[in-house]
Amino acid sequence: MSLIYIASVELPEHVQKGGFDHAAIHSATNRLYVAHTINNSIDVIDCSADRYLVSLSGLIGVAGALVSEERGLVFTSNRGENTVSIFTPGDEQNMVKIPVGIRPNGLSFDPQRGLLLSANVGNPDIPNSFTLSIVDIQKREMIHSIPVPGRTRWTIFDAKKNEFDINISEPSQIIVVPADQPDYVVRSIKIPYAGPHGLDLDADTGRLFCACDEGKLITLEAATGKILNMAELSGKPDVIFFNRLLKHLYVAVGDPGVIDVFDTNTYAKLETVSTEKGAHTLAFDARSHKVYAFAPQTHCALVFIDE
């Protein structure tokens, strides 16, 4: 037994058909921020009590949230208005929006240099619109736009290598951007399965976990790109999170609506936990080992604890 269901947090009803996207937790304030994309808002949950607090509106097509504990900041990607937002937890009314590329989605952040990377999914009808935007949060402006070979998916920052890693859906690859010279792609790692999507890092061992639309979970050496293992998933994945202390990896699969849980030491699948059809996104609280799955049909967060 790994994930145990403990609660459900009711969130605002959808204004029309749709659902949620990426989420992140700010540990210092016990606040979870989840993109309620169809409502153009960020819903905020109190993780200590597992209750809904408030919604931050006016974020058109918001695709995700990212937290920097080091800087005490929350970032959002607003796909419907080609901006990213920056605000401090508890001071959301002073949110700042910064223009970036077309349809920003995945976010990663270098806290030392104050650089936010926005992976933009672009528009296939607009030439050269698949890009990465590098935002200097002190200057409050985009300082670089980097063309990439295809639609971006998720991205992470590797502090040990001082590099950003970004999934590209097609052609299947992970591209790497150096943080000290963030204006070009320094190298790429070919992925042998279609649709690299969810991405996370085990910083202790230097391993990348890449969940692909083809229903495969790949483990790679971050430094070399060497594939260490491949595992089967229950379907097409989206968000993944790594639990550093328990060495568990959680993979959200929207159809049929499950979380696949893996032991990253043995690469074994520990279990498959039912959520709800369409629940393709998660949040992970590293302090309490709680996993939140966002259920679009019942507009709630399903709360599990890893024991």
C-alpha atoms as a PDB file:
ATOM      1  CA  MET A   1       0.000   0.000   0.000  1.00  0.00           C
ATOM      2  CA  SER A   2       1.293   3.444  -0.883  1.00  0.00           C
ATOM      3  CA  LEU A   3      -1.286   6.168  -1.577  1.00  0.00           C
ATOM      4  CA  ILE A   4      -4.228   6.309   0.830  1.00  0.00           C
ATOM      5  CA  TYR A   5      -7.208   8.559   0.097  1.00  0.00           C
ATOM      6  CA  ILE A   6      -7.864  10.936   3.023  1.00  0.00           C
ATOM      7  CA  ALA A   7      -9.947  13.894   1.830  1.00  0.00           C
ATOM      8  CA  SER A   8     -11.609  15.818  -0.972  1.00  0.00           C
ATOM      9  CA  VAL A   9     -11.431  19.586  -1.358  1.00  0.00           C
ATOM     10  CA  GLU A  10     -14.320  21.112  -3.289  1.00  0.00           C
ATOM     11  CA  LEU A  11     -13.237  23.820  -5.723  1.00  0.00           C
ATOM     12  CA  PRO A  12     -15.328  26.368  -7.681  1.00  0.00           C
ATOM     13  CA  GLU A  13     -17.531  24.954 -10.401  1.00  0.00           C
ATOM     14  CA  HIS A  14     -16.333  25.280 -13.983  1.00  0.00           C
ATOM     15  CA  VAL A  15     -17.805  28.230 -15.877  1.00  0.00           C
ATOM     16  CA  GLN A  16     -17.949  25.947 -18.921  1.00  0.00           C
ATOM     17  CA  LYS A  17     -16.653  22.521 -19.935  1.00  0.00           C
ATOM     18  CA  GLY A  18     -12.998  22.130 -19.023  1.00  0.00           C
ATOM     19  CA  GLY A  19     -10.774  21.662 -16.008  1.00  0.00           C
ATOM     20  CA  PHE A  20      -7.443  22.150 -14.287  1.00  0.00           C
ATOM     21  CA  ASP A  21      -3.762  22.220 -15.188  1.00  0.00           C
ATOM     22  CA  HIS A  22      -0.429  22.446 -13.362  1.00  0.00           C
ATOM     23  CA  ALA A  23      -0.155  23.168  -9.632  1.00  0.00           C
ATOM     24  CA  ALA A  24       2.512  23.956  -7.025  1.00  0.00           C
ATOM     25  CA  ILE A  25       2.776  24.290  -3.243  1.00  0.00           C
ATOM     26  CA  HIS A  26       4.378  27.129  -1.272  1.00  0.00           C
ATOM     27  CA  SER A  27       5.572  25.360   1.874  1.00  0.00           C
ATOM     28  CA  ALA A  28       6.162  28.459   4.007  1.00  0.00           C
ATOM     29  CA  THR A  29       2.485  29.434   3.856  1.00  0.00           C
ATOM     30  CA  ASN A  30       0.968  25.940   3.356  1.00  0.00           C
ATOM     31  CA  ARG A  31      -0.721  27.212   0.205  1.00  0.00           C
ATOM     32  CA  LEU A  32      -1.388  25.192  -2.914  1.00  0.00           C
ATOM     33  CA  TYR A  33      -1.883  27.067  -6.195  1.00  0.00           C
ATOM     34  CA  VAL A  34      -3.634  25.201  -9.020  1.00  0.00           C
ATOM     35  CA  ALA A  35      -4.441  26.500 -12.497  1.00  0.00           C
ATOM     36  CA  HIS A  36      -8.225  26.382 -12.974  1.00  0.00           C
ATOM     37  CA  THR A  37      -7.745  26.916 -16.677  1.00  0.00           C
ATOM     38  CA  ILE A  38     -11.358  26.984 -17.796  1.00  0.00           C
ATOM     39  CA  ASN A  39     -12.154  29.612 -15.114  1.00  0.00           C
ATOM     40  CA  ASN A  40      -9.151  31.815 -16.006  1.00  0.00           C
ATOM     41  CA  SER A  41      -8.087  31.690 -12.382  1.00  0.00           C
ATOM     42  CA  ILE A  42      -5.743  30.165  -9.835  1.00  0.00           C
ATOM     43  CA  ASP A  43      -7.513  28.315  -7.020  1.00  0.00           C
ATOM     44  CA  VAL A  44      -5.770  28.439  -3.648  1.00  0.00           C
ATOM     45  CA  ILE A  45      -5.963  25.603  -1.102  1.00  0.00           C
ATOM     46  CA  ASP A  46      -4.841  25.643   2.532  1.00  0.00           C
ATOM     47  CA  CYS A  47      -2.799  22.427   2.753  1.00  0.00           C
ATOM     48  CA  SER A  48      -2.744  22.372   6.553  1.00  0.00           C
ATOM     49  CA  ALA A  49      -6.547  22.032   6.687  1.00  0.00           C
ATOM     50  CA  ASP A  50      -7.145  20.838   3.111  1.00  0.00           C
ATOM     51  CA  ARG A  51      -9.745  23.508   2.410  1.00  0.00           C
ATOM     52  CA  TYR A  52     -10.379  25.950  -0.413  1.00  0.00           C
ATOM     53  CA  LEU A  53      -9.397  29.546   0.338  1.00  0.00           C
ATOM     54  CA  VAL A  54      -9.831  31.833  -2.656  1.00  0.00           C
ATOM     55  CA  SER A  55      -9.484  32.162  -6.428  1.00  0.00           C
ATOM     56  CA  LEU A  56      -7.184  34.634  -8.161  1.00  0.00           C
ATOM     57  CA  SER A  57      -9.019  35.779 -11.271  1.00  0.00           C
ATOM     58  CA  GLY A  58      -8.064  37.518 -14.507  1.00  0.00           C
ATOM     59  CA  LEU A  59      -5.444  34.998 -15.663  1.00  0.00           C
ATOM     60  CA  ILE A  60      -6.657  34.185 -19.158  1.00  0.00           C
ATOM     61  CA  GLY A  61      -6.070  30.558 -20.079  1.00  0.00           C
ATOM     62  CA  VAL A  62      -3.808  30.005 -17.078  1.00  0.00           C
ATOM     63  CA  ALA A  63      -1.858  26.814 -17.722  1.00  0.00           C
ATOM     64  CA  GLY A  64       0.182  26.346 -14.602  1.00  0.00           C
ATOM     65  CA  ALA A  65       1.778  27.520 -11.398  1.00  0.00           C
ATOM     66  CA  LEU A  66       5.359  27.263 -10.175  1.00  0.00           C
ATOM     67  CA  VAL A  67       6.708  28.173  -6.711  1.00  0.00           C
ATOM     68  CA  SER A  68      10.172  29.361  -5.727  1.00  0.00           C
ATOM     69  CA  GLU A  69      10.700  28.677  -2.029  1.00  0.00           C
ATOM     70  CA  GLU A  70      14.097  30.431  -2.196  1.00  0.00           C
ATOM     71  CA  ARG A  71      12.625  33.678  -3.480  1.00  0.00           C
ATOM     72  CA  GLY A  72       9.180  33.349  -1.866  1.00  0.00           C
ATOM     73  CA  LEU A  73       7.427  33.808  -5.217  1.00  0.00           C
ATOM     74  CA  VAL A  74       4.691  32.214  -7.299  1.00  0.00           C
ATOM     75  CA  PHE A  75       4.737  32.253 -11.104  1.00  0.00           C
ATOM     76  CA  THR A  76       1.888  31.483 -13.490  1.00  0.00           C
ATOM     77  CA  SER A  77       1.814  30.914 -17.251  1.00  0.00           C
ATOM     78  CA  ASN A  78      -1.205  32.556 -18.893  1.00  0.00           C
ATOM     79  CA  ARG A  79      -1.647  30.797 -22.215  1.00  0.00           C
ATOM     80  CA  GLY A  80      -4.617  32.858 -23.374  1.00  0.00           C
ATOM     81  CA  GLU A  81      -2.841  36.200 -23.101  1.00  0.00           C
ATOM     82  CA  ASN A  82       0.832  35.316 -23.762  1.00  0.00           C
ATOM     83  CA  THR A  83       2.043  36.461 -20.360  1.00  0.00           C
ATOM     84  CA  VAL A  84       3.594  35.107 -17.195  1.00  0.00           C
ATOM     85  CA  SER A  85       2.641  36.428 -13.761  1.00  0.00           C
ATOM     86  CA  ILE A  86       4.755  36.938 -10.653  1.00  0.00           C
ATOM     87  CA  PHE A  87       3.411  37.501  -7.134  1.00  0.00           C
ATOM     88  CA  THR A  88       4.206  36.955  -3.472  1.00  0.00           C
ATOM     89  CA  PRO A  89       1.977  34.629  -1.436  1.00  0.00           C
ATOM     90  CA  GLY A  90      -0.348  36.810   0.620  1.00  0.00           C
ATOM     91  CA  ASP A  91       0.250  39.816  -1.644  1.00  0.00           C
ATOM     92  CA  GLU A  92      -1.521  38.591  -4.763  1.00  0.00           C
ATOM     93  CA  GLN A  93      -3.106  41.982  -5.491  1.00  0.00           C
ATOM     94  CA  ASN A  94       0.326  43.288  -6.496  1.00  0.00           C
ATOM     95  CA  MET A  95       0.769  40.649  -9.181  1.00  0.00           C
ATOM     96  CA  VAL A  96       2.967  41.635 -12.134  1.00  0.00           C
ATOM     97  CA  LYS A  97       2.400  40.353 -15.681  1.00  0.00           C
ATOM     98  CA  ILE A  98       5.187  40.108 -18.264  1.00  0.00           C
ATOM     99  CA  PRO A  99       4.713  39.446 -22.016  1.00  0.00           C
ATOM    100  CA  VAL A 100       6.389  36.297 -23.334  1.00  0.00           C
ATOM    101  CA  GLY A 101       6.031  34.033 -26.387  1.00  0.00           C
ATOM    102  CA  ILE A 102       2.929  32.460 -27.864  1.00  0.00           C
ATOM    103  CA  ARG A 103       0.856  30.287 -25.472  1.00  0.00           C
ATOM    104  CA  PRO A 104       3.194  29.887 -22.486  1.00  0.00           C
ATOM    105  CA  ASN A 105       2.808  26.608 -20.625  1.00  0.00           C
ATOM    106  CA  GLY A 106       5.639  24.921 -18.693  1.00  0.00           C
ATOM    107  CA  LEU A 107       7.712  26.980 -16.251  1.00  0.00           C
ATOM    108  CA  SER A 108      11.072  26.489 -14.528  1.00  0.00           C
ATOM    109  CA  PHE A 109      13.156  28.893 -12.435  1.00  0.00           C
ATOM    110  CA  ASP A 110      16.797  29.505 -11.555  1.00  0.00           C
ATOM    111  CA  PRO A 111      16.603  31.175  -8.114  1.00  0.00           C
ATOM    112  CA  GLN A 112      20.279  32.153  -8.031  1.00  0.00           C
ATOM    113  CA  ARG A 113      20.147  34.200 -11.219  1.00  0.00           C
ATOM    114  CA  GLY A 114      16.486  35.158 -10.974  1.00  0.00           C
ATOM    115  CA  LEU A 115      15.694  33.686 -14.392  1.00  0.00           C
ATOM    116  CA  LEU A 116      12.270  32.295 -15.237  1.00  0.00           C
ATOM    117  CA  LEU A 117      11.958  30.043 -18.284  1.00  0.00           C
ATOM    118  CA  SER A 118       8.602  29.864 -20.045  1.00  0.00           C
ATOM    119  CA  ALA A 119       8.182  26.950 -22.461  1.00  0.00           C
ATOM    120  CA  ASN A 120       5.727  28.196 -25.076  1.00  0.00           C
ATOM    121  CA  VAL A 121       3.575  25.689 -26.963  1.00  0.00           C
ATOM    122  CA  GLY A 122       3.214  28.124 -29.867  1.00  0.00           C
ATOM    123  CA  ASN A 123       0.736  27.920 -32.718  1.00  0.00           C
ATOM    124  CA  PRO A 124       1.372  25.501 -35.612  1.00  0.00           C
ATOM    125  CA  ASP A 125      -0.235  28.028 -37.995  1.00  0.00           C
ATOM    126  CA  ILE A 126       2.328  30.684 -37.030  1.00  0.00           C
ATOM    127  CA  PRO A 127       5.867  30.031 -38.322  1.00  0.00           C
ATOM    128  CA  ASN A 128       8.655  29.928 -35.736  1.00  0.00           C
ATOM    129  CA  SER A 129       6.244  30.232 -32.795  1.00  0.00           C
ATOM    130  CA  PHE A 130       7.681  27.262 -30.869  1.00  0.00           C
ATOM    131  CA  THR A 131       9.951  29.136 -28.476  1.00  0.00           C
ATOM    132  CA  LEU A 132      11.383  29.450 -24.982  1.00  0.00           C
ATOM    133  CA  SER A 133      11.166  32.807 -23.229  1.00  0.00           C
ATOM    134  CA  ILE A 134      13.773  33.781 -20.619  1.00  0.00           C
ATOM    135  CA  VAL A 135      12.468  36.353 -18.138  1.00  0.00           C
ATOM    136  CA  ASP A 136      14.673  38.388 -15.789  1.00  0.00           C
ATOM    137  CA  ILE A 137      12.415  38.789 -12.742  1.00  0.00           C
ATOM    138  CA  GLN A 138      14.357  41.803 -11.428  1.00  0.00           C
ATOM    139  CA  LYS A 139      14.045  43.684 -14.716  1.00  0.00           C
ATOM    140  CA  ARG A 140      10.465  42.386 -15.133  1.00  0.00           C
ATOM    141  CA  GLU A 141      11.083  41.691 -18.801  1.00  0.00           C
ATOM    142  CA  MET A 142      11.811  38.949 -21.302  1.00  0.00           C
ATOM    143  CA  ILE A 143      15.516  39.085 -22.130  1.00  0.00           C
ATOM    144  CA  HIS A 144      15.808  36.158 -24.577  1.00  0.00           C
ATOM    145  CA  SER A 145      13.575  34.270 -26.998  1.00  0.00           C
ATOM    146  CA  ILE A 146      14.982  30.917 -28.116  1.00  0.00           C
ATOM    147  CA  PRO A 147      13.534  29.032 -31.110  1.00  0.00           C
ATOM    148  CA  VAL A 148      13.004  25.303 -30.534  1.00  0.00           C
ATOM    149  CA  PRO A 149      12.257  22.458 -32.975  1.00  0.00           C
ATOM    150  CA  GLY A 150       8.713  21.637 -31.853  1.00  0.00           C
ATOM    151  CA  ARG A 151       5.934  21.973 -29.302  1.00  0.00           C
ATOM    152  CA  THR A 152       7.223  22.257 -25.753  1.00  0.00           C
ATOM    153  CA  ARG A 153       5.891  20.314 -22.804  1.00  0.00           C
ATOM    154  CA  TRP A 154       7.179  20.462 -19.232  1.00  0.00           C
ATOM    155  CA  THR A 155      10.488  21.882 -18.027  1.00  0.00           C
ATOM    156  CA  ILE A 156      12.674  21.709 -14.912  1.00  0.00           C
ATOM    157  CA  PHE A 157      15.785  23.498 -13.613  1.00  0.00           C
ATOM    158  CA  ASP A 158      18.772  21.374 -12.623  1.00  0.00           C
ATOM    159  CA  ALA A 159      20.682  23.385  -9.999  1.00  0.00           C
ATOM    160  CA  LYS A 160      23.676  21.034  -9.941  1.00  0.00           C
ATOM    161  CA  LYS A 161      24.244  21.301 -13.691  1.00  0.00           C
ATOM    162  CA  ASN A 162      22.994  24.912 -13.851  1.00  0.00           C
ATOM    163  CA  GLU A 163      20.824  23.987 -16.812  1.00  0.00           C
ATOM    164  CA  PHE A 164      17.195  24.068 -17.860  1.00  0.00           C
ATOM    165  CA  ASP A 165      15.777  20.828 -19.287  1.00  0.00           C
ATOM    166  CA  ILE A 166      12.743  21.064 -21.583  1.00  0.00           C
ATOM    167  CA  ASN A 167      10.612  18.320 -23.125  1.00  0.00           C
ATOM    168  CA  ILE A 168       9.831  18.642 -26.834  1.00  0.00           C
ATOM    169  CA  SER A 169       6.826  16.633 -28.000  1.00  0.00           C
ATOM    170  CA  GLU A 170       7.827  16.226 -31.660  1.00  0.00           C
ATOM    171  CA  PRO A 171      10.535  15.468 -32.585  1.00  0.00           C
ATOM    172  CA  SER A 172      10.789  13.495 -29.319  1.00  0.00           C
ATOM    173  CA  GLN A 173      13.652  14.942 -27.316  1.00  0.00           C
ATOM    174  CA  ILE A 174      14.797  16.821 -24.231  1.00  0.00           C
ATOM    175  CA  ILE A 175      16.634  20.033 -24.991  1.00  0.00           C
ATOM    176  CA  VAL A 176      19.074  21.735 -22.620  1.00  0.00           C
ATOM    177  CA  VAL A 177      19.657  25.470 -22.079  1.00  0.00           C
ATOM    178  CA  PRO A 178      22.617  26.657 -19.946  1.00  0.00           C
ATOM    179  CA  ALA A 179      21.569  29.049 -17.162  1.00  0.00           C
ATOM    180  CA  ASP A 180      24.759  31.104 -17.399  1.00  0.00           C
ATOM    181  CA  GLN A 181      24.210  31.736 -21.116  1.00  0.00           C
ATOM    182  CA  PRO A 182      20.457  31.306 -21.542  1.00  0.00           C
ATOM    183  CA  ASP A 183      20.113  32.345 -25.159  1.00  0.00           C
ATOM    184  CA  TYR A 184      20.641  29.053 -27.008  1.00  0.00           C
ATOM    185  CA  VAL A 185      20.086  25.292 -26.849  1.00  0.00           C
ATOM    186  CA  VAL A 186      23.400  23.699 -25.907  1.00  0.00           C
ATOM    187  CA  ARG A 187      22.430  20.085 -26.660  1.00  0.00           C
ATOM    188  CA  SER A 188      19.507  17.702 -27.046  1.00  0.00           C
ATOM    189  CA  ILE A 189      18.731  14.176 -25.840  1.00  0.00           C
ATOM    190  CA  LYS A 190      16.821  11.935 -28.210  1.00  0.00           C
ATOM    191  CA  ILE A 191      13.849  10.154 -26.629  1.00  0.00           C
ATOM    192  CA  PRO A 192      12.885   6.844 -28.321  1.00  0.00           C
ATOM    193  CA  TYR A 193       9.161   7.102 -27.545  1.00  0.00           C
ATOM    194  CA  ALA A 194       6.536   9.526 -28.793  1.00  0.00           C
ATOM    195  CA  GLY A 195       5.541  12.640 -26.900  1.00  0.00           C
ATOM    196  CA  PRO A 196       7.841  13.454 -23.972  1.00  0.00           C
ATOM    197  CA  HIS A 197       5.443  15.132 -21.537  1.00  0.00           C
ATOM    198  CA  GLY A 198       5.901  15.034 -17.739  1.00  0.00           C
ATOM    199  CA  LEU A 199       9.418  15.691 -16.441  1.00  0.00           C
ATOM    200  CA  ASP A 200      11.073  15.610 -13.022  1.00  0.00           C
ATOM    201  CA  LEU A 201      14.540  15.242 -11.512  1.00  0.00           C
ATOM    202  CA  ASP A 202      16.203  13.193  -8.785  1.00  0.00           C
ATOM    203  CA  ALA A 203      18.936  15.685  -7.916  1.00  0.00           C
ATOM    204  CA  ASP A 204      20.657  13.263  -5.530  1.00  0.00           C
ATOM    205  CA  THR A 205      21.364  10.682  -8.241  1.00  0.00           C
ATOM    206  CA  GLY A 206      21.327  12.925 -11.314  1.00  0.00           C
ATOM    207  CA  ARG A 207      18.429  11.048 -12.918  1.00  0.00           C
ATOM    208  CA  LEU A 208      15.682  12.497 -15.087  1.00  0.00           C
ATOM    209  CA  PHE A 209      12.227  10.940 -15.193  1.00  0.00           C
ATOM    210  CA  CYS A 210      10.388  11.491 -18.481  1.00  0.00           C
ATOM    211  CA  ALA A 211       6.791  10.320 -19.011  1.00  0.00           C
ATOM    212  CA  CYS A 212       5.852   9.954 -22.676  1.00  0.00           C
ATOM    213  CA  ASP A 213       2.473  10.084 -24.436  1.00  0.00           C
ATOM    214  CA  GLU A 214       3.190   6.633 -25.861  1.00  0.00           C
ATOM    215  CA  GLY A 215       2.598   5.275 -22.359  1.00  0.00           C
ATOM    216  CA  LYS A 216       6.232   4.868 -21.372  1.00  0.00           C
ATOM    217  CA  LEU A 217       8.180   6.125 -18.369  1.00  0.00           C
ATOM    218  CA  ILE A 218      11.892   6.593 -19.075  1.00  0.00           C
ATOM    219  CA  THR A 219      14.686   7.122 -16.548  1.00  0.00           C
ATOM    220  CA  LEU A 220      17.825   8.807 -17.895  1.00  0.00           C
ATOM    221  CA  GLU A 221      21.190  10.047 -16.694  1.00  0.00           C
ATOM    222  CA  ALA A 222      20.773  13.828 -16.766  1.00  0.00           C
ATOM    223  CA  ALA A 223      24.437  14.432 -17.594  1.00  0.00           C
ATOM    224  CA  THR A 224      24.762  11.998 -20.504  1.00  0.00           C
ATOM    225  CA  GLY A 225      21.223  11.225 -21.679  1.00  0.00           C
ATOM    226  CA  LYS A 226      21.868   7.498 -21.215  1.00  0.00           C
ATOM    227  CA  ILE A 227      18.605   5.586 -20.781  1.00  0.00           C
ATOM    228  CA  LEU A 228      18.653   3.590 -17.557  1.00  0.00           C
ATOM    229  CA  ASN A 229      15.189   2.068 -17.543  1.00  0.00           C
ATOM    230  CA  MET A 230      11.794   1.989 -19.248  1.00  0.00           C
ATOM    231  CA  ALA A 231       8.479   1.132 -17.599  1.00  0.00           C
ATOM    232  CA  GLU A 232       4.938   0.796 -18.882  1.00  0.00           C
ATOM    233  CA  LEU A 233       2.284   3.312 -17.816  1.00  0.00           C
ATOM    234  CA  SER A 234      -1.492   2.843 -17.560  1.00  0.00           C
ATOM    235  CA  GLY A 235      -2.059   5.238 -20.453  1.00  0.00           C
ATOM    236  CA  LYS A 236      -1.080   8.669 -21.748  1.00  0.00           C
ATOM    237  CA  PRO A 237       0.589  10.594 -18.882  1.00  0.00           C
ATOM    238  CA  ASP A 238       0.795  14.254 -18.005  1.00  0.00           C
ATOM    239  CA  VAL A 239       2.131  15.602 -14.706  1.00  0.00           C
ATOM    240  CA  ILE A 240       4.743  13.682 -12.693  1.00  0.00           C
ATOM    241  CA  PHE A 241       6.266  14.384  -9.263  1.00  0.00           C
ATOM    242  CA  PHE A 242       9.247  12.801  -7.507  1.00  0.00           C
ATOM    243  CA  ASN A 243       9.178  12.162  -3.753  1.00  0.00           C
ATOM    244  CA  ARG A 244      12.827  12.534  -2.761  1.00  0.00           C
ATOM    245  CA  LEU A 245      12.506  11.039   0.733  1.00  0.00           C
ATOM    246  CA  LEU A 246      10.415   7.985  -0.113  1.00  0.00           C
ATOM    247  CA  LYS A 247      11.956   7.527  -3.580  1.00  0.00           C
ATOM    248  CA  HIS A 248       8.508   7.313  -5.129  1.00  0.00           C
ATOM    249  CA  LEU A 249       7.405   8.782  -8.446  1.00  0.00           C
ATOM    250  CA  TYR A 250       3.772   9.744  -9.047  1.00  0.00           C
ATOM    251  CA  VAL A 251       2.475   9.802 -12.628  1.00  0.00           C
ATOM    252  CA  ALA A 252      -0.968  11.231 -13.454  1.00  0.00           C
ATOM    253  CA  VAL A 253      -2.807   9.412 -16.254  1.00  0.00           C
ATOM    254  CA  GLY A 254      -6.017  11.199 -17.267  1.00  0.00           C
ATOM    255  CA  ASP A 255      -7.495   8.254 -19.151  1.00  0.00           C
ATOM    256  CA  PRO A 256      -8.601   6.040 -17.442  1.00  0.00           C
ATOM    257  CA  GLY A 257      -8.000   8.391 -14.484  1.00  0.00           C
ATOM    258  CA  VAL A 258      -5.283   6.947 -12.244  1.00  0.00           C
ATOM    259  CA  ILE A 259      -1.987   7.667 -10.526  1.00  0.00           C
ATOM    260  CA  ASP A 260       0.797   5.192 -11.294  1.00  0.00           C
ATOM    261  CA  VAL A 261       3.241   4.970  -8.368  1.00  0.00           C
ATOM    262  CA  PHE A 262       6.813   3.763  -8.947  1.00  0.00           C
ATOM    263  CA  ASP A 263       9.706   2.872  -6.664  1.00  0.00           C
ATOM    264  CA  THR A 264      12.619   4.742  -8.249  1.00  0.00           C
ATOM    265  CA  ASN A 265      15.222   2.514  -6.572  1.00  0.00           C
ATOM    266  CA  THR A 266      13.904  -0.697  -8.126  1.00  0.00           C
ATOM    267  CA  TYR A 267      11.943   0.835 -11.038  1.00  0.00           C
ATOM    268  CA  ALA A 268       8.993  -1.335 -10.006  1.00  0.00           C
ATOM    269  CA  LYS A 269       5.413  -0.096 -10.291  1.00  0.00           C
ATOM    270  CA  LEU A 270       4.077  -0.221  -6.734  1.00  0.00           C
ATOM    271  CA  GLU A 271       0.426   0.386  -7.480  1.00  0.00           C
ATOM    272  CA  THR A 272      -2.138   2.126  -9.645  1.00  0.00           C
ATOM    273  CA  VAL A 273      -4.592   4.322  -7.708  1.00  0.00           C
ATOM    274  CA  SER A 274      -7.946   5.390  -9.159  1.00  0.00           C
ATOM    275  CA  THR A 275      -8.759   9.099  -9.313  1.00  0.00           C
ATOM    276  CA  GLU A 276     -11.284  10.297 -11.917  1.00  0.00           C
ATOM    277  CA  LYS A 277     -11.354  10.261 -15.704  1.00  0.00           C
ATOM    278  CA  GLY A 278      -9.672  13.429 -16.962  1.00  0.00           C
ATOM    279  CA  ALA A 279      -7.598  13.920 -13.786  1.00  0.00           C
ATOM    280  CA  HIS A 280      -4.298  14.516 -15.562  1.00  0.00           C
ATOM    281  CA  THR A 281      -2.610  16.877 -13.125  1.00  0.00           C
ATOM    282  CA  LEU A 282      -1.177  16.617  -9.605  1.00  0.00           C
ATOM    283  CA  ALA A 283       0.438  18.562  -6.788  1.00  0.00           C
ATOM    284  CA  PHE A 284       2.866  17.122  -4.243  1.00  0.00           C
ATOM    285  CA  ASP A 285       3.534  18.311  -0.672  1.00  0.00           C
ATOM    286  CA  ALA A 286       7.017  17.074   0.208  1.00  0.00           C
ATOM    287  CA  ARG A 287       6.624  17.782   3.938  1.00  0.00           C
ATOM    288  CA  SER A 288       3.477  15.741   4.530  1.00  0.00           C
ATOM    289  CA  HIS A 289       3.860  13.277   1.614  1.00  0.00           C
ATOM    290  CA  LYS A 290       0.414  14.299   0.399  1.00  0.00           C
ATOM    291  CA  VAL A 291      -0.531  14.043  -3.271  1.00  0.00           C
ATOM    292  CA  TYR A 292      -3.378  16.114  -4.709  1.00  0.00           C
ATOM    293  CA  ALA A 293      -5.157  14.955  -7.880  1.00  0.00           C
ATOM    294  CA  PHE A 294      -7.428  17.474  -9.594  1.00  0.00           C
ATOM    295  CA  ALA A 295     -10.711  15.936 -10.735  1.00  0.00           C
ATOM    296  CA  PRO A 296     -12.401  17.898 -13.542  1.00  0.00           C
ATOM    297  CA  GLN A 297     -15.793  16.169 -13.485  1.00  0.00           C
ATOM    298  CA  THR A 298     -16.439  16.811  -9.787  1.00  0.00           C
ATOM    299  CA  HIS A 299     -14.319  20.024  -9.672  1.00  0.00           C
ATOM    300  CA  CYS A 300     -12.404  18.974  -6.575  1.00  0.00           C
ATOM    301  CA  ALA A 301      -8.947  18.040  -5.342  1.00  0.00           C
ATOM    302  CA  LEU A 302      -8.634  14.408  -4.244  1.00  0.00           C
ATOM    303  CA  VAL A 303      -6.112  14.191  -1.398  1.00  0.00           C
ATOM    304  CA  PHE A 304      -3.932  11.138  -0.809  1.00  0.00           C
ATOM    305  CA  ILE A 305      -1.129  10.464   1.660  1.00  0.00           C
ATOM    306  CA  ASP A 306       1.828   8.218   0.916  1.00  0.00           C
ATOM    307  CA  GLU A 307       2.421   5.814   3.811  1.00  0.00           C
END
